[in-house]
Amino acid sequence: MQRKKFTFKKINKLKSKKSFQFVYGKGRTVVDPLSVFYILADQGEDVKIGLAVGKKLGCAVVRNRVKRLMREVFRMHQAKLKKGYHIVWVARQKLTKADLKTFERVFLRLVKRAALLQE
């Protein structure tokens, strides 16, 4: 039973271009030297995340590694987040050379600034 809260399901993903654009346009921004969060409150009961890694950051191998690490950090900490938010996490160039601990530090720093942690 404890295991289920650490899974990353399809309902936790933002997929369509329309939903990304909606969060970019209507959401608020939290900025860090390594990445950016776009956050939009929603009536849903789940936290949804979209990952954006541009082609300027490197080849497909590098971009996929960054997305994999971003997903892993979100998966580990999604139980601590408030429900009903859409998040788009945009990577910056410096994040491509980071390890998992750095991804985790960046994610938690941005989540705290955005006041998304449960009390």
Protein backbone atom coordinates (compact mmCIF):
# COMPACT_ATOMS: atom_id res chain seq x y z
CA MET A 1 0.00 0.00 0.00
CA GLN A 2 2.82 2.40 0.83
CA ARG A 3 4.24 1.86 -2.63
CA LYS A 4 1.32 3.38 -4.57
CA LYS A 5 1.99 6.97 -3.54
CA PHE A 6 5.40 6.87 -5.26
CA THR A 7 4.10 5.93 -8.71
CA PHE A 8 3.99 8.26 -11.70
CA LYS A 9 0.69 7.70 -13.50
CA LYS A 10 -0.65 9.02 -16.79
CA ILE A 11 -3.15 11.23 -14.97
CA ASN A 12 -0.17 13.11 -13.46
CA LYS A 13 1.15 14.18 -16.89
CA LEU A 14 0.42 17.27 -18.94
CA LYS A 15 0.69 16.13 -22.54
CA SER A 16 -1.01 18.36 -25.04
CA LYS A 17 0.41 21.55 -26.47
CA LYS A 18 -2.86 23.28 -25.57
CA SER A 19 -2.52 22.48 -21.87
CA PHE A 20 1.13 23.62 -21.85
CA GLN A 21 0.18 26.90 -23.54
CA PHE A 22 -2.69 27.42 -21.07
CA VAL A 23 -0.33 27.05 -18.09
CA TYR A 24 2.26 29.32 -19.74
CA GLY A 25 -0.35 32.00 -20.43
CA LYS A 26 -2.45 31.95 -17.26
CA GLY A 27 -0.04 30.58 -14.66
CA ARG A 28 2.46 32.29 -12.42
CA THR A 29 6.22 31.87 -12.67
CA VAL A 30 8.84 30.82 -10.14
CA VAL A 31 12.42 31.22 -11.39
CA ASP A 32 15.71 29.59 -10.39
CA PRO A 33 19.12 29.76 -12.10
CA LEU A 34 18.76 26.09 -13.13
CA SER A 35 15.08 25.89 -14.09
CA VAL A 36 11.67 27.59 -14.16
CA PHE A 37 8.26 26.55 -12.83
CA TYR A 38 4.98 27.71 -14.37
CA ILE A 39 2.15 27.01 -11.91
CA LEU A 40 -1.61 27.15 -12.40
CA ALA A 41 -4.27 26.29 -9.82
CA ASP A 42 -6.94 23.84 -10.99
CA GLN A 43 -10.08 22.25 -9.56
CA GLY A 44 -8.72 18.72 -10.10
CA GLU A 45 -7.66 16.40 -7.32
CA ASP A 46 -4.27 15.57 -8.80
CA VAL A 47 -1.03 17.40 -9.35
CA LYS A 48 -0.14 17.37 -13.04
CA ILE A 49 3.33 18.08 -14.35
CA GLY A 50 4.67 18.80 -17.80
CA LEU A 51 8.38 18.69 -18.55
CA ALA A 52 9.94 21.03 -21.10
CA VAL A 53 13.50 20.51 -22.31
CA GLY A 54 14.35 22.52 -25.40
CA LYS A 55 16.55 21.42 -28.29
CA LYS A 56 19.13 24.09 -27.44
CA LEU A 57 20.10 22.07 -24.35
CA GLY A 58 21.66 19.23 -26.30
CA CYS A 59 21.09 16.12 -28.33
CA ALA A 60 18.23 13.68 -27.72
CA VAL A 61 20.29 11.60 -25.29
CA VAL A 62 20.93 14.62 -23.05
CA ARG A 63 17.33 15.86 -23.24
CA ASN A 64 15.92 12.43 -22.40
CA ARG A 65 18.29 12.08 -19.43
CA VAL A 66 17.16 15.45 -18.09
CA LYS A 67 13.48 14.48 -18.47
CA ARG A 68 14.10 11.11 -16.80
CA LEU A 69 15.69 12.77 -13.78
CA MET A 70 12.94 15.40 -13.61
CA ARG A 71 10.26 12.67 -13.63
CA GLU A 72 12.07 10.73 -10.92
CA VAL A 73 12.32 13.73 -8.60
CA PHE A 74 8.64 14.56 -9.13
CA ARG A 75 7.68 10.94 -8.50
CA MET A 76 9.56 10.87 -5.19
CA HIS A 77 8.04 14.12 -3.91
CA GLN A 78 4.53 14.26 -5.40
CA ALA A 79 2.93 13.02 -2.16
CA LYS A 80 4.22 16.16 -0.39
CA LEU A 81 2.59 18.56 -2.85
CA LYS A 82 -0.77 20.30 -2.52
CA LYS A 83 -3.48 18.88 -4.77
CA GLY A 84 -5.08 20.68 -7.68
CA TYR A 85 -2.15 22.29 -9.47
CA HIS A 86 -0.71 22.10 -12.96
CA ILE A 87 3.06 22.56 -13.14
CA VAL A 88 5.29 22.99 -16.18
CA TRP A 89 8.95 22.47 -15.27
CA VAL A 90 11.30 24.05 -17.83
CA ALA A 91 14.97 23.05 -17.74
CA ARG A 92 17.81 25.49 -18.33
CA GLN A 93 21.28 24.79 -19.74
CA LYS A 94 23.05 24.36 -16.38
CA LEU A 95 20.69 21.54 -15.42
CA THR A 96 22.02 19.25 -18.16
CA LYS A 97 25.25 18.63 -16.24
CA ALA A 98 23.61 18.15 -12.83
CA ASP A 99 23.15 14.94 -10.87
CA LEU A 100 20.01 13.62 -9.16
CA LYS A 101 20.70 15.41 -5.85
CA THR A 102 20.92 18.74 -7.67
CA PHE A 103 17.63 18.06 -9.46
CA GLU A 104 16.05 17.28 -6.10
CA ARG A 105 17.43 20.47 -4.49
CA VAL A 106 16.17 22.61 -7.40
CA PHE A 107 12.71 20.99 -7.34
CA LEU A 108 12.28 21.43 -3.58
CA ARG A 109 13.54 25.02 -3.71
CA LEU A 110 11.05 25.92 -6.44
CA VAL A 111 8.19 24.10 -4.71
CA LYS A 112 8.88 25.98 -1.46
CA ARG A 113 9.01 29.33 -3.26
CA ALA A 114 5.72 28.54 -4.97
CA ALA A 115 4.14 27.48 -1.62
CA LEU A 116 3.07 24.09 -2.98
CA LEU A 117 4.17 21.95 -0.02
CA GLN A 118 1.49 20.51 2.22
CA GLU A 119 1.53 21.71 5.82
